[in-house]
Amino acid sequence: MKKKKQSVQSKAKKIKLLLLDVDGVMTDGTIILDNQGNETKAFHVRDGHGIKLAQKAGIVIGIVTGRSSEVVNVRARELDIREIHQGAREKIAVYDLLVSKYGLRDEEVAYIGDDIVDVSIFKRVGLAAAVADADPSVKQHVDMITRTEGGRGPGEGASRRGGGGAGACIIR
């Protein structure tokens, strides 16, 4: 894990924007295609609960994912997530756009990811988290590792961990 100069709880208190990857974080990474080419994904209810808690605490939630899928739009609408960025080949460009849009500093943003494409954001955000089953090479770049695997409620777990906020480390 990356060097911690501040505790996770201390970092979480500053968070105003929580960004989430989808495949491997909000889902277990499985992509199911039916015979017509429709994509389906399974989302865990606990992630939804953690997202709603974070929103209630005033934290803006955003999705940044490299793939594009209508089912992600459906889930985002259910959870009232307005920042949905799919097909993001350069996730750091989306990150920069959102930081500028909301007038934030890096330390006011948290990100939960799972793979090498997330490292550029991990290195910038104030609070970086990886799911328990993340690619081992990315774990050195994060402040915390969720107790659960992707698709098994890591957003809620991150929200509750640390007593305050990205799940209670991020919720004050």
N, C-alpha and C. Protein backbone atom coordinates (compact mmCIF):
# COMPACT_ATOMS: atom_id res chain seq x y z
N MET A 1 0.84 -1.19 0.00
CA MET A 1 0.00 0.00 0.00
C MET A 1 0.88 1.24 0.00
N LYS A 2 0.32 2.33 -0.55
CA LYS A 2 1.13 3.54 -0.63
C LYS A 2 1.38 4.10 0.76
N LYS A 3 2.42 4.85 0.88
CA LYS A 3 2.83 5.40 2.16
C LYS A 3 1.72 6.27 2.75
N LYS A 4 1.41 6.00 3.99
CA LYS A 4 0.33 6.75 4.64
C LYS A 4 0.92 7.83 5.52
N LYS A 5 0.70 9.07 5.16
CA LYS A 5 1.14 10.18 5.99
C LYS A 5 0.01 10.57 6.94
N GLN A 6 -1.22 10.28 6.53
CA GLN A 6 -2.39 10.55 7.33
C GLN A 6 -3.18 9.25 7.43
N SER A 7 -3.99 9.12 8.46
CA SER A 7 -4.83 7.94 8.57
C SER A 7 -5.92 7.97 7.51
N VAL A 8 -6.46 6.80 7.22
CA VAL A 8 -7.56 6.70 6.28
C VAL A 8 -8.73 7.55 6.75
N GLN A 9 -9.01 7.50 8.05
CA GLN A 9 -10.12 8.28 8.60
C GLN A 9 -9.90 9.78 8.40
N SER A 10 -8.68 10.22 8.60
CA SER A 10 -8.35 11.63 8.43
C SER A 10 -8.53 12.04 6.97
N LYS A 11 -8.08 11.20 6.06
CA LYS A 11 -8.24 11.48 4.63
C LYS A 11 -9.71 11.48 4.25
N ALA A 12 -10.47 10.56 4.80
CA ALA A 12 -11.89 10.41 4.46
C ALA A 12 -12.70 11.64 4.84
N LYS A 13 -12.32 12.30 5.87
CA LYS A 13 -13.07 13.49 6.32
C LYS A 13 -13.04 14.62 5.29
N LYS A 14 -12.08 14.59 4.39
CA LYS A 14 -11.93 15.65 3.39
C LYS A 14 -12.68 15.35 2.09
N ILE A 15 -13.20 14.13 1.95
CA ILE A 15 -13.74 13.69 0.67
C ILE A 15 -15.07 14.37 0.33
N LYS A 16 -15.12 14.88 -0.91
CA LYS A 16 -16.34 15.50 -1.45
C LYS A 16 -16.84 14.79 -2.71
N LEU A 17 -15.96 13.98 -3.32
CA LEU A 17 -16.29 13.26 -4.54
C LEU A 17 -15.73 11.85 -4.43
N LEU A 18 -16.60 10.85 -4.64
CA LEU A 18 -16.19 9.44 -4.66
C LEU A 18 -16.40 8.91 -6.06
N LEU A 19 -15.32 8.44 -6.68
CA LEU A 19 -15.38 7.87 -8.02
C LEU A 19 -15.21 6.36 -7.92
N LEU A 20 -16.01 5.64 -8.72
CA LEU A 20 -16.01 4.18 -8.71
C LEU A 20 -15.78 3.63 -10.11
N ASP A 21 -14.94 2.61 -10.20
CA ASP A 21 -14.85 1.80 -11.40
C ASP A 21 -16.08 0.88 -11.36
N VAL A 22 -16.40 0.23 -12.46
CA VAL A 22 -17.55 -0.68 -12.48
C VAL A 22 -17.09 -2.13 -12.48
N ASP A 23 -16.52 -2.58 -13.60
CA ASP A 23 -16.15 -4.00 -13.72
C ASP A 23 -15.01 -4.34 -12.76
N GLY A 24 -15.30 -5.23 -11.85
CA GLY A 24 -14.32 -5.63 -10.85
C GLY A 24 -14.46 -4.87 -9.55
N VAL A 25 -15.28 -3.82 -9.51
CA VAL A 25 -15.51 -3.04 -8.29
C VAL A 25 -16.99 -3.11 -7.92
N MET A 26 -17.83 -2.47 -8.74
CA MET A 26 -19.27 -2.55 -8.50
C MET A 26 -19.83 -3.91 -8.91
N THR A 27 -19.08 -4.63 -9.76
CA THR A 27 -19.44 -6.00 -10.15
C THR A 27 -18.24 -6.89 -9.87
N ASP A 28 -18.44 -8.19 -10.02
CA ASP A 28 -17.31 -9.11 -9.80
C ASP A 28 -16.41 -9.22 -11.02
N GLY A 29 -16.70 -8.44 -12.04
CA GLY A 29 -15.88 -8.44 -13.25
C GLY A 29 -16.39 -9.36 -14.35
N THR A 30 -17.38 -10.18 -14.02
CA THR A 30 -17.96 -11.07 -15.02
C THR A 30 -18.80 -10.26 -16.00
N ILE A 31 -18.64 -10.53 -17.27
CA ILE A 31 -19.45 -9.89 -18.31
C ILE A 31 -20.28 -10.99 -18.96
N ILE A 32 -21.59 -10.86 -18.89
CA ILE A 32 -22.50 -11.86 -19.44
C ILE A 32 -23.16 -11.27 -20.68
N LEU A 33 -23.02 -11.97 -21.80
CA LEU A 33 -23.66 -11.55 -23.05
C LEU A 33 -24.68 -12.61 -23.43
N ASP A 34 -25.91 -12.16 -23.74
CA ASP A 34 -26.91 -13.13 -24.19
C ASP A 34 -26.79 -13.33 -25.70
N ASN A 35 -27.65 -14.18 -26.27
CA ASN A 35 -27.58 -14.50 -27.70
C ASN A 35 -27.81 -13.30 -28.60
N GLN A 36 -28.47 -12.26 -28.08
CA GLN A 36 -28.69 -11.05 -28.87
C GLN A 36 -27.58 -10.02 -28.67
N GLY A 37 -26.58 -10.35 -27.86
CA GLY A 37 -25.47 -9.44 -27.61
C GLY A 37 -25.73 -8.45 -26.50
N ASN A 38 -26.83 -8.64 -25.76
CA ASN A 38 -27.12 -7.76 -24.62
C ASN A 38 -26.22 -8.12 -23.45
N GLU A 39 -25.69 -7.10 -22.83
CA GLU A 39 -24.79 -7.30 -21.70
C GLU A 39 -25.55 -7.16 -20.38
N THR A 40 -25.29 -8.07 -19.46
CA THR A 40 -25.88 -7.98 -18.13
C THR A 40 -24.76 -8.01 -17.09
N LYS A 41 -25.03 -7.43 -15.96
CA LYS A 41 -24.08 -7.40 -14.85
C LYS A 41 -24.86 -7.59 -13.56
N ALA A 42 -24.21 -8.12 -12.56
CA ALA A 42 -24.83 -8.26 -11.24
C ALA A 42 -24.21 -7.22 -10.31
N PHE A 43 -25.07 -6.44 -9.65
CA PHE A 43 -24.64 -5.43 -8.70
C PHE A 43 -25.10 -5.85 -7.30
N HIS A 44 -24.28 -5.63 -6.32
CA HIS A 44 -24.63 -6.00 -4.95
C HIS A 44 -25.40 -4.87 -4.27
N VAL A 45 -26.44 -5.24 -3.56
CA VAL A 45 -27.29 -4.25 -2.89
C VAL A 45 -26.49 -3.44 -1.86
N ARG A 46 -25.47 -4.04 -1.26
CA ARG A 46 -24.69 -3.31 -0.25
C ARG A 46 -23.92 -2.14 -0.84
N ASP A 47 -23.49 -2.26 -2.08
CA ASP A 47 -22.85 -1.11 -2.72
C ASP A 47 -23.84 0.03 -2.85
N GLY A 48 -25.05 -0.30 -3.24
CA GLY A 48 -26.09 0.72 -3.35
C GLY A 48 -26.33 1.41 -2.02
N HIS A 49 -26.34 0.62 -0.95
CA HIS A 49 -26.53 1.19 0.39
C HIS A 49 -25.39 2.14 0.74
N GLY A 50 -24.16 1.73 0.48
CA GLY A 50 -23.01 2.58 0.76
C GLY A 50 -23.02 3.86 -0.04
N ILE A 51 -23.42 3.76 -1.30
CA ILE A 51 -23.52 4.94 -2.16
C ILE A 51 -24.56 5.91 -1.62
N LYS A 52 -25.71 5.39 -1.23
CA LYS A 52 -26.77 6.25 -0.69
C LYS A 52 -26.31 6.92 0.62
N LEU A 53 -25.59 6.21 1.46
CA LEU A 53 -25.06 6.80 2.70
C LEU A 53 -24.09 7.94 2.38
N ALA A 54 -23.22 7.70 1.42
CA ALA A 54 -22.25 8.74 1.03
C ALA A 54 -22.98 9.96 0.47
N GLN A 55 -24.00 9.74 -0.37
CA GLN A 55 -24.77 10.85 -0.92
C GLN A 55 -25.47 11.63 0.19
N LYS A 56 -26.02 10.90 1.14
CA LYS A 56 -26.70 11.55 2.27
C LYS A 56 -25.73 12.44 3.06
N ALA A 57 -24.46 12.06 3.06
CA ALA A 57 -23.43 12.84 3.75
C ALA A 57 -22.93 14.00 2.89
N GLY A 58 -23.49 14.15 1.68
CA GLY A 58 -23.11 15.26 0.82
C GLY A 58 -22.00 14.96 -0.17
N ILE A 59 -21.63 13.71 -0.29
CA ILE A 59 -20.56 13.33 -1.21
C ILE A 59 -21.16 13.06 -2.59
N VAL A 60 -20.55 13.64 -3.62
CA VAL A 60 -20.96 13.40 -5.00
C VAL A 60 -20.36 12.05 -5.41
N ILE A 61 -21.16 11.24 -6.09
CA ILE A 61 -20.70 9.93 -6.56
C ILE A 61 -20.57 9.97 -8.07
N GLY A 62 -19.50 9.38 -8.57
CA GLY A 62 -19.30 9.28 -10.01
C GLY A 62 -18.81 7.91 -10.42
N ILE A 63 -19.13 7.53 -11.63
CA ILE A 63 -18.68 6.27 -12.22
C ILE A 63 -17.70 6.61 -13.34
N VAL A 64 -16.55 5.92 -13.33
CA VAL A 64 -15.56 6.07 -14.40
C VAL A 64 -15.15 4.67 -14.82
N THR A 65 -15.57 4.28 -16.02
CA THR A 65 -15.31 2.92 -16.48
C THR A 65 -14.86 2.90 -17.93
N GLY A 66 -14.01 1.97 -18.24
CA GLY A 66 -13.50 1.84 -19.60
C GLY A 66 -14.49 1.24 -20.58
N ARG A 67 -15.42 0.44 -20.08
CA ARG A 67 -16.43 -0.18 -20.94
C ARG A 67 -17.67 0.69 -21.02
N SER A 68 -18.54 0.38 -21.96
CA SER A 68 -19.83 1.06 -22.08
C SER A 68 -20.93 0.01 -22.07
N SER A 69 -21.94 0.24 -21.22
CA SER A 69 -23.01 -0.73 -21.09
C SER A 69 -24.27 -0.02 -20.60
N GLU A 70 -25.40 -0.28 -21.23
CA GLU A 70 -26.65 0.34 -20.82
C GLU A 70 -27.03 -0.04 -19.40
N VAL A 71 -26.68 -1.23 -18.98
CA VAL A 71 -27.04 -1.67 -17.63
C VAL A 71 -26.37 -0.78 -16.56
N VAL A 72 -25.22 -0.21 -16.87
CA VAL A 72 -24.57 0.72 -15.95
C VAL A 72 -25.41 1.99 -15.83
N ASN A 73 -25.95 2.47 -16.94
CA ASN A 73 -26.84 3.63 -16.89
C ASN A 73 -28.08 3.34 -16.04
N VAL A 74 -28.63 2.15 -16.18
CA VAL A 74 -29.81 1.76 -15.40
C VAL A 74 -29.49 1.78 -13.91
N ARG A 75 -28.36 1.16 -13.53
CA ARG A 75 -27.98 1.12 -12.11
C ARG A 75 -27.70 2.53 -11.60
N ALA A 76 -27.03 3.34 -12.39
CA ALA A 76 -26.73 4.71 -11.97
C ALA A 76 -28.01 5.51 -11.73
N ARG A 77 -28.99 5.34 -12.61
CA ARG A 77 -30.28 6.03 -12.41
C ARG A 77 -30.94 5.57 -11.12
N GLU A 78 -30.91 4.28 -10.85
CA GLU A 78 -31.50 3.76 -9.61
C GLU A 78 -30.88 4.41 -8.37
N LEU A 79 -29.58 4.68 -8.45
CA LEU A 79 -28.85 5.22 -7.30
C LEU A 79 -28.68 6.73 -7.36
N ASP A 80 -29.28 7.37 -8.35
CA ASP A 80 -29.19 8.81 -8.52
C ASP A 80 -27.74 9.29 -8.67
N ILE A 81 -26.97 8.51 -9.40
CA ILE A 81 -25.60 8.89 -9.73
C ILE A 81 -25.66 9.67 -11.03
N ARG A 82 -25.22 10.91 -10.99
CA ARG A 82 -25.33 11.77 -12.17
C ARG A 82 -24.04 11.84 -12.98
N GLU A 83 -22.94 11.55 -12.36
CA GLU A 83 -21.66 11.57 -13.08
C GLU A 83 -21.35 10.16 -13.56
N ILE A 84 -21.71 9.88 -14.82
CA ILE A 84 -21.51 8.56 -15.41
C ILE A 84 -20.60 8.74 -16.62
N HIS A 85 -19.42 8.17 -16.54
CA HIS A 85 -18.44 8.33 -17.62
C HIS A 85 -18.00 6.94 -18.08
N GLN A 86 -18.62 6.49 -19.18
CA GLN A 86 -18.34 5.17 -19.74
C GLN A 86 -17.47 5.31 -20.98
N GLY A 87 -16.79 4.23 -21.32
CA GLY A 87 -15.91 4.25 -22.48
C GLY A 87 -14.69 5.12 -22.26
N ALA A 88 -14.32 5.29 -21.00
CA ALA A 88 -13.19 6.15 -20.64
C ALA A 88 -11.87 5.40 -20.83
N ARG A 89 -11.28 5.57 -21.99
CA ARG A 89 -10.00 4.90 -22.28
C ARG A 89 -8.87 5.53 -21.46
N GLU A 90 -8.97 6.81 -21.22
CA GLU A 90 -8.00 7.53 -20.39
C GLU A 90 -8.75 8.04 -19.15
N LYS A 91 -8.82 7.22 -18.14
CA LYS A 91 -9.60 7.57 -16.95
C LYS A 91 -9.09 8.85 -16.28
N ILE A 92 -7.80 9.09 -16.36
CA ILE A 92 -7.23 10.28 -15.72
C ILE A 92 -7.79 11.55 -16.36
N ALA A 93 -8.13 11.52 -17.64
CA ALA A 93 -8.72 12.69 -18.30
C ALA A 93 -10.10 12.98 -17.71
N VAL A 94 -10.88 11.94 -17.44
CA VAL A 94 -12.19 12.11 -16.80
C VAL A 94 -12.00 12.66 -15.39
N TYR A 95 -11.02 12.12 -14.69
CA TYR A 95 -10.71 12.60 -13.34
C TYR A 95 -10.42 14.10 -13.37
N ASP A 96 -9.54 14.52 -14.26
CA ASP A 96 -9.19 15.94 -14.36
C ASP A 96 -10.42 16.80 -14.66
N LEU A 97 -11.28 16.31 -15.55
CA LEU A 97 -12.50 17.02 -15.90
C LEU A 97 -13.39 17.22 -14.66
N LEU A 98 -13.57 16.17 -13.88
CA LEU A 98 -14.45 16.25 -12.71
C LEU A 98 -13.86 17.11 -11.59
N VAL A 99 -12.57 17.01 -11.38
CA VAL A 99 -11.92 17.86 -10.37
C VAL A 99 -12.11 19.33 -10.74
N SER A 100 -11.95 19.63 -12.01
CA SER A 100 -12.15 21.00 -12.47
C SER A 100 -13.62 21.42 -12.36
N LYS A 101 -14.51 20.56 -12.81
CA LYS A 101 -15.95 20.87 -12.80
C LYS A 101 -16.44 21.22 -11.40
N TYR A 102 -15.98 20.48 -10.39
CA TYR A 102 -16.44 20.69 -9.02
C TYR A 102 -15.52 21.59 -8.21
N GLY A 103 -14.44 22.08 -8.84
CA GLY A 103 -13.52 22.97 -8.14
C GLY A 103 -12.85 22.31 -6.94
N LEU A 104 -12.43 21.05 -7.11
CA LEU A 104 -11.86 20.28 -6.00
C LEU A 104 -10.34 20.20 -6.09
N ARG A 105 -9.76 19.88 -4.96
CA ARG A 105 -8.35 19.52 -4.88
C ARG A 105 -8.27 17.99 -4.84
N ASP A 106 -7.13 17.45 -5.23
CA ASP A 106 -6.96 15.99 -5.24
C ASP A 106 -7.34 15.35 -3.91
N GLU A 107 -6.98 15.98 -2.81
CA GLU A 107 -7.24 15.39 -1.49
C GLU A 107 -8.73 15.32 -1.14
N GLU A 108 -9.57 15.93 -1.97
CA GLU A 108 -11.02 15.90 -1.73
C GLU A 108 -11.72 14.82 -2.57
N VAL A 109 -10.93 13.96 -3.22
CA VAL A 109 -11.48 12.92 -4.08
C VAL A 109 -11.01 11.55 -3.60
N ALA A 110 -11.95 10.58 -3.63
CA ALA A 110 -11.63 9.18 -3.35
C ALA A 110 -11.96 8.37 -4.59
N TYR A 111 -11.24 7.27 -4.76
CA TYR A 111 -11.46 6.40 -5.91
C TYR A 111 -11.33 4.95 -5.48
N ILE A 112 -12.26 4.11 -5.94
CA ILE A 112 -12.17 2.67 -5.70
C ILE A 112 -12.00 1.99 -7.05
N GLY A 113 -10.90 1.26 -7.21
CA GLY A 113 -10.58 0.58 -8.46
C GLY A 113 -10.04 -0.82 -8.20
N ASP A 114 -9.56 -1.46 -9.27
CA ASP A 114 -9.10 -2.84 -9.13
C ASP A 114 -8.00 -3.26 -10.08
N ASP A 115 -7.61 -2.40 -11.01
CA ASP A 115 -6.70 -2.87 -12.05
C ASP A 115 -5.66 -1.81 -12.41
N ILE A 116 -4.73 -2.20 -13.24
CA ILE A 116 -3.60 -1.35 -13.62
C ILE A 116 -4.06 -0.04 -14.26
N VAL A 117 -5.19 -0.04 -14.96
CA VAL A 117 -5.68 1.19 -15.59
C VAL A 117 -6.14 2.22 -14.55
N ASP A 118 -6.25 1.82 -13.30
CA ASP A 118 -6.68 2.73 -12.23
C ASP A 118 -5.51 3.41 -11.51
N VAL A 119 -4.30 2.97 -11.76
CA VAL A 119 -3.14 3.47 -11.00
C VAL A 119 -2.94 4.97 -11.17
N SER A 120 -3.14 5.50 -12.36
CA SER A 120 -2.93 6.94 -12.55
C SER A 120 -3.85 7.76 -11.65
N ILE A 121 -5.07 7.28 -11.43
CA ILE A 121 -5.98 7.97 -10.52
C ILE A 121 -5.58 7.70 -9.07
N PHE A 122 -5.23 6.46 -8.74
CA PHE A 122 -4.79 6.13 -7.38
C PHE A 122 -3.68 7.08 -6.92
N LYS A 123 -2.77 7.40 -7.83
CA LYS A 123 -1.64 8.24 -7.48
C LYS A 123 -2.02 9.69 -7.21
N ARG A 124 -3.17 10.11 -7.67
CA ARG A 124 -3.59 11.51 -7.53
C ARG A 124 -4.56 11.76 -6.38
N VAL A 125 -5.49 10.84 -6.17
CA VAL A 125 -6.58 11.10 -5.23
C VAL A 125 -6.12 11.18 -3.78
N GLY A 126 -6.94 11.82 -2.98
CA GLY A 126 -6.67 11.91 -1.55
C GLY A 126 -6.86 10.60 -0.83
N LEU A 127 -7.78 9.76 -1.32
CA LEU A 127 -8.03 8.46 -0.70
C LEU A 127 -8.22 7.44 -1.81
N ALA A 128 -7.27 6.53 -1.94
CA ALA A 128 -7.31 5.49 -2.96
C ALA A 128 -7.62 4.16 -2.31
N ALA A 129 -8.59 3.43 -2.88
CA ALA A 129 -8.97 2.12 -2.34
C ALA A 129 -9.02 1.11 -3.48
N ALA A 130 -8.62 -0.11 -3.16
CA ALA A 130 -8.72 -1.23 -4.11
C ALA A 130 -9.56 -2.31 -3.46
N VAL A 131 -10.29 -3.05 -4.28
CA VAL A 131 -11.07 -4.17 -3.77
C VAL A 131 -10.13 -5.29 -3.36
N ALA A 132 -10.61 -6.18 -2.51
CA ALA A 132 -9.78 -7.24 -1.96
C ALA A 132 -9.14 -8.11 -3.04
N ASP A 133 -9.85 -8.34 -4.14
CA ASP A 133 -9.32 -9.19 -5.20
C ASP A 133 -8.73 -8.39 -6.37
N ALA A 134 -8.30 -7.18 -6.10
CA ALA A 134 -7.67 -6.34 -7.13
C ALA A 134 -6.39 -6.99 -7.62
N ASP A 135 -5.97 -6.59 -8.80
CA ASP A 135 -4.69 -7.04 -9.33
C ASP A 135 -3.62 -6.73 -8.28
N PRO A 136 -2.83 -7.72 -7.88
CA PRO A 136 -1.84 -7.50 -6.83
C PRO A 136 -0.89 -6.34 -7.10
N SER A 137 -0.61 -6.05 -8.36
CA SER A 137 0.34 -4.98 -8.68
C SER A 137 -0.18 -3.59 -8.34
N VAL A 138 -1.49 -3.43 -8.15
CA VAL A 138 -2.01 -2.10 -7.86
C VAL A 138 -2.12 -1.82 -6.36
N LYS A 139 -2.07 -2.83 -5.56
CA LYS A 139 -2.31 -2.66 -4.12
C LYS A 139 -1.28 -1.77 -3.44
N GLN A 140 -0.09 -1.71 -3.98
CA GLN A 140 0.95 -0.84 -3.41
C GLN A 140 0.64 0.64 -3.59
N HIS A 141 -0.32 0.96 -4.44
CA HIS A 141 -0.64 2.35 -4.77
C HIS A 141 -1.86 2.89 -4.02
N VAL A 142 -2.42 2.10 -3.10
CA VAL A 142 -3.66 2.51 -2.44
C VAL A 142 -3.46 2.74 -0.94
N ASP A 143 -4.41 3.48 -0.37
CA ASP A 143 -4.42 3.74 1.06
C ASP A 143 -5.14 2.64 1.84
N MET A 144 -6.09 1.99 1.18
CA MET A 144 -6.85 0.94 1.85
C MET A 144 -7.30 -0.12 0.86
N ILE A 145 -7.50 -1.31 1.37
CA ILE A 145 -8.03 -2.42 0.58
C ILE A 145 -9.34 -2.83 1.25
N THR A 146 -10.40 -2.91 0.45
CA THR A 146 -11.69 -3.27 1.03
C THR A 146 -11.65 -4.69 1.56
N ARG A 147 -12.54 -4.98 2.49
CA ARG A 147 -12.60 -6.33 3.06
C ARG A 147 -13.26 -7.32 2.13
N THR A 148 -14.02 -6.81 1.16
CA THR A 148 -14.73 -7.69 0.24
C THR A 148 -14.20 -7.56 -1.17
N GLU A 149 -14.49 -8.58 -1.96
CA GLU A 149 -14.08 -8.59 -3.35
C GLU A 149 -15.02 -7.72 -4.18
N GLY A 150 -14.59 -7.40 -5.39
CA GLY A 150 -15.44 -6.64 -6.29
C GLY A 150 -16.76 -7.34 -6.52
N GLY A 151 -17.85 -6.57 -6.55
CA GLY A 151 -19.17 -7.12 -6.77
C GLY A 151 -19.80 -7.73 -5.53
N ARG A 152 -19.11 -7.65 -4.41
CA ARG A 152 -19.60 -8.25 -3.17
C ARG A 152 -19.83 -7.19 -2.09
N GLY A 153 -19.99 -5.95 -2.52
CA GLY A 153 -20.29 -4.87 -1.59
C GLY A 153 -19.12 -4.05 -1.12
N PRO A 154 -18.03 -3.90 -1.91
CA PRO A 154 -16.89 -3.12 -1.43
C PRO A 154 -17.20 -1.64 -1.22
N GLY A 155 -18.14 -1.09 -1.98
CA GLY A 155 -18.50 0.32 -1.81
C GLY A 155 -19.11 0.57 -0.45
N GLU A 156 -19.96 -0.34 -0.01
CA GLU A 156 -20.56 -0.19 1.30
C GLU A 156 -19.51 -0.42 2.38
N GLY A 157 -18.68 -1.42 2.17
CA GLY A 157 -17.63 -1.71 3.15
C GLY A 157 -16.66 -0.55 3.29
N ALA A 158 -16.30 0.03 2.17
CA ALA A 158 -15.40 1.18 2.22
C ALA A 158 -16.10 2.33 2.92
N SER A 159 -17.42 2.44 2.72
CA SER A 159 -18.19 3.51 3.35
C SER A 159 -18.20 3.37 4.86
N ARG A 160 -18.24 2.16 5.32
CA ARG A 160 -18.35 1.93 6.76
C ARG A 160 -17.01 1.83 7.46
N ARG A 161 -15.98 1.48 6.75
CA ARG A 161 -14.68 1.27 7.35
C ARG A 161 -14.08 2.59 7.81
N GLY A 162 -13.49 2.60 8.95
CA GLY A 162 -12.81 3.79 9.42
C GLY A 162 -13.74 4.74 10.12
N GLY A 163 -15.00 4.39 10.27
CA GLY A 163 -15.95 5.16 11.03
C GLY A 163 -16.36 6.46 10.42
N GLY A 164 -16.39 6.59 9.17
CA GLY A 164 -16.77 7.88 8.70
C GLY A 164 -17.08 8.06 7.27
N GLY A 165 -16.79 7.47 6.25
CA GLY A 165 -16.98 7.91 4.91
C GLY A 165 -16.77 7.07 3.73
N ALA A 166 -15.87 6.65 2.12
CA ALA A 166 -16.12 6.04 0.76
C ALA A 166 -16.87 4.79 0.95
N GLY A 167 -17.41 4.66 1.74
CA GLY A 167 -18.26 3.75 2.31
C GLY A 167 -18.09 4.00 3.76
N ALA A 168 -17.61 3.96 5.60
CA ALA A 168 -17.66 4.97 6.67
C ALA A 168 -16.39 5.65 6.75
N CYS A 169 -15.51 5.26 5.93
CA CYS A 169 -14.38 6.15 6.01
C CYS A 169 -14.69 7.40 5.25
N ILE A 170 -15.53 7.37 4.29
CA ILE A 170 -15.80 8.60 3.58
C ILE A 170 -17.01 9.32 4.14
N ILE A 171 -17.91 8.61 4.70
CA ILE A 171 -19.09 9.27 5.29
C ILE A 171 -18.69 9.80 6.65
N ARG A 172 -18.80 11.09 6.79
CA ARG A 172 -18.32 11.71 8.02
C ARG A 172 -19.13 11.30 9.20
